[in-house]
Amino acid sequence: WVVFGLLGRHVASVVRLSALLQGTRKAQPIVAAIIDFSEAEGRLPARLSDLVPGYLSTVPRTAWGAYPEWQYARVAEPSSMAGNSWVLFVETPSGEGFDVLMFLPSGRYPDRAFGGSVKRLGSWAYVFE
């Protein structure tokens, strides 16, 4: 029974990560808008709402009802995020863990972020405790 329990948890984890990765498509307009804004304005937006209405009609919600809001932050110390100056992310806690799905524009990710280990998921990364 222990084997079935472990296998079930592994399958659930794979399904969860796959669903999270599928939902990252909803963030593509945000990523494009941040890049367009920074190229046009010569600076990064302070918050996602700065992208409305010039670059987005509204800030889209995530694909996941339990985690509806995208979050964005300018990185004060880019070296802490593999040289990236901003991060788009959503907190995706599971059980008692603090998990985060994040996008860094350069595609380079640190080994650790938000206090957890980083696992690449395509051009995104999943941070888990």
Protein backbone atom coordinates (compact mmCIF):
# COMPACT_ATOMS: atom_id res chain seq x y z
CA TRP A 1 0.00 0.00 0.00
CA VAL A 2 2.89 2.32 0.65
CA VAL A 3 4.02 1.93 -2.98
CA PHE A 4 0.56 2.82 -4.25
CA GLY A 5 0.46 5.84 -1.94
CA LEU A 6 3.81 7.11 -3.18
CA LEU A 7 2.89 6.44 -6.80
CA GLY A 8 -0.41 8.28 -6.34
CA ARG A 9 1.37 11.33 -4.91
CA HIS A 10 3.87 11.31 -7.78
CA VAL A 11 1.09 11.13 -10.39
CA ALA A 12 -0.80 13.94 -8.64
CA SER A 13 2.36 16.07 -8.66
CA VAL A 14 2.93 15.45 -12.39
CA VAL A 15 -0.70 16.33 -13.18
CA ARG A 16 -0.50 19.50 -11.05
CA LEU A 17 2.73 20.70 -12.69
CA SER A 18 1.34 19.95 -16.15
CA ALA A 19 -1.81 21.98 -15.40
CA LEU A 20 0.27 24.87 -14.08
CA LEU A 21 2.48 24.83 -17.17
CA GLN A 22 -0.58 24.78 -19.47
CA GLY A 23 -1.96 27.84 -17.67
CA THR A 24 1.16 29.91 -18.23
CA ARG A 25 -0.14 30.75 -21.71
CA LYS A 26 -2.50 33.25 -20.08
CA ALA A 27 0.56 35.21 -18.97
CA GLN A 28 2.00 35.69 -22.47
CA PRO A 29 0.21 39.04 -23.03
CA ILE A 30 1.52 40.29 -19.67
CA VAL A 31 5.10 39.31 -20.49
CA ALA A 32 4.84 41.00 -23.89
CA ALA A 33 3.33 44.14 -22.32
CA ILE A 34 6.10 44.39 -19.70
CA ILE A 35 8.74 44.11 -22.43
CA ASP A 36 6.94 46.63 -24.70
CA PHE A 37 6.47 49.05 -21.80
CA SER A 38 10.13 48.89 -20.77
CA GLU A 39 11.32 49.41 -24.36
CA ALA A 40 8.95 52.34 -24.97
CA GLU A 41 9.28 54.02 -21.57
CA GLY A 42 12.93 53.24 -20.85
CA ARG A 43 12.05 51.81 -17.46
CA LEU A 44 10.16 48.91 -15.94
CA PRO A 45 6.56 49.35 -14.83
CA ALA A 46 6.17 49.75 -11.07
CA ARG A 47 3.13 47.44 -11.04
CA LEU A 48 1.02 45.47 -13.50
CA SER A 49 -1.71 48.14 -13.42
CA ASP A 50 0.78 50.53 -15.09
CA LEU A 51 0.32 48.42 -18.25
CA VAL A 52 -3.38 49.38 -18.50
CA PRO A 53 -4.66 50.81 -20.84
CA GLY A 54 -1.59 51.54 -22.97
CA TYR A 55 -0.30 47.98 -23.24
CA LEU A 56 -3.17 45.80 -21.97
CA SER A 57 -6.91 46.47 -21.86
CA THR A 58 -6.99 44.70 -18.48
CA VAL A 59 -4.53 42.58 -16.54
CA PRO A 60 -5.64 39.01 -17.26
CA ARG A 61 -6.32 36.65 -14.40
CA THR A 62 -4.56 33.34 -14.16
CA ALA A 63 -6.07 30.09 -15.43
CA TRP A 64 -6.43 28.77 -11.87
CA GLY A 65 -9.37 29.75 -9.70
CA ALA A 66 -7.49 28.96 -6.50
CA TYR A 67 -4.64 31.29 -7.52
CA PRO A 68 -6.35 34.05 -9.53
CA GLU A 69 -3.85 36.93 -9.52
CA TRP A 70 -0.53 37.29 -11.33
CA GLN A 71 2.08 39.11 -9.28
CA TYR A 72 4.96 41.15 -10.60
CA ALA A 73 8.03 42.54 -8.92
CA ARG A 74 11.04 44.51 -9.97
CA VAL A 75 14.15 42.81 -8.62
CA ALA A 76 16.26 45.13 -6.48
CA GLU A 77 19.28 42.82 -6.63
CA PRO A 78 19.22 41.22 -10.12
CA SER A 79 22.14 38.94 -9.19
CA SER A 80 19.80 37.20 -6.74
CA MET A 81 17.57 36.21 -9.69
CA ALA A 82 20.24 35.12 -12.18
CA GLY A 83 20.62 38.66 -13.55
CA ASN A 84 16.91 39.29 -14.17
CA SER A 85 15.48 42.71 -13.33
CA TRP A 86 11.86 41.56 -12.97
CA VAL A 87 9.79 38.49 -12.19
CA LEU A 88 6.20 37.51 -12.98
CA PHE A 89 4.83 34.93 -10.59
CA VAL A 90 1.84 33.38 -8.89
CA GLU A 91 1.82 31.77 -5.47
CA THR A 92 0.55 28.19 -5.77
CA PRO A 93 0.60 26.71 -2.28
CA SER A 94 -0.15 23.03 -1.96
CA GLY A 95 -0.95 21.58 1.44
CA GLU A 96 1.36 23.23 3.91
CA GLY A 97 4.04 24.08 1.34
CA PHE A 98 4.79 27.51 -0.06
CA ASP A 99 5.09 27.03 -3.81
CA VAL A 100 5.54 29.64 -6.54
CA LEU A 101 5.32 29.45 -10.32
CA MET A 102 7.59 32.13 -11.81
CA PHE A 103 8.77 33.56 -15.10
CA LEU A 104 12.12 35.31 -15.55
CA PRO A 105 12.58 37.15 -18.87
CA SER A 106 16.13 35.98 -19.61
CA GLY A 107 15.21 32.33 -19.23
CA ARG A 108 18.03 31.93 -16.71
CA TYR A 109 16.94 30.78 -13.27
CA PRO A 110 18.77 30.58 -9.95
CA ASP A 111 18.99 27.28 -8.10
CA ARG A 112 16.95 28.78 -5.26
CA ALA A 113 14.33 31.55 -5.14
CA PHE A 114 11.57 32.66 -2.76
CA GLY A 115 13.23 30.46 -0.13
CA GLY A 116 12.82 27.21 -2.08
CA SER A 117 14.35 24.97 -4.72
CA VAL A 118 13.76 25.78 -8.39
CA LYS A 119 12.55 23.23 -10.97
CA ARG A 120 12.39 24.30 -14.64
CA LEU A 121 9.06 23.91 -16.46
CA GLY A 122 9.71 24.99 -20.03
CA SER A 123 10.42 28.73 -20.00
CA TRP A 124 8.94 28.93 -16.48
CA ALA A 125 10.11 27.55 -13.15
CA TYR A 126 8.36 26.03 -10.15
CA VAL A 127 9.69 26.87 -6.71
CA PHE A 128 8.91 24.45 -3.92
CA GLU A 129 9.95 23.95 -0.32
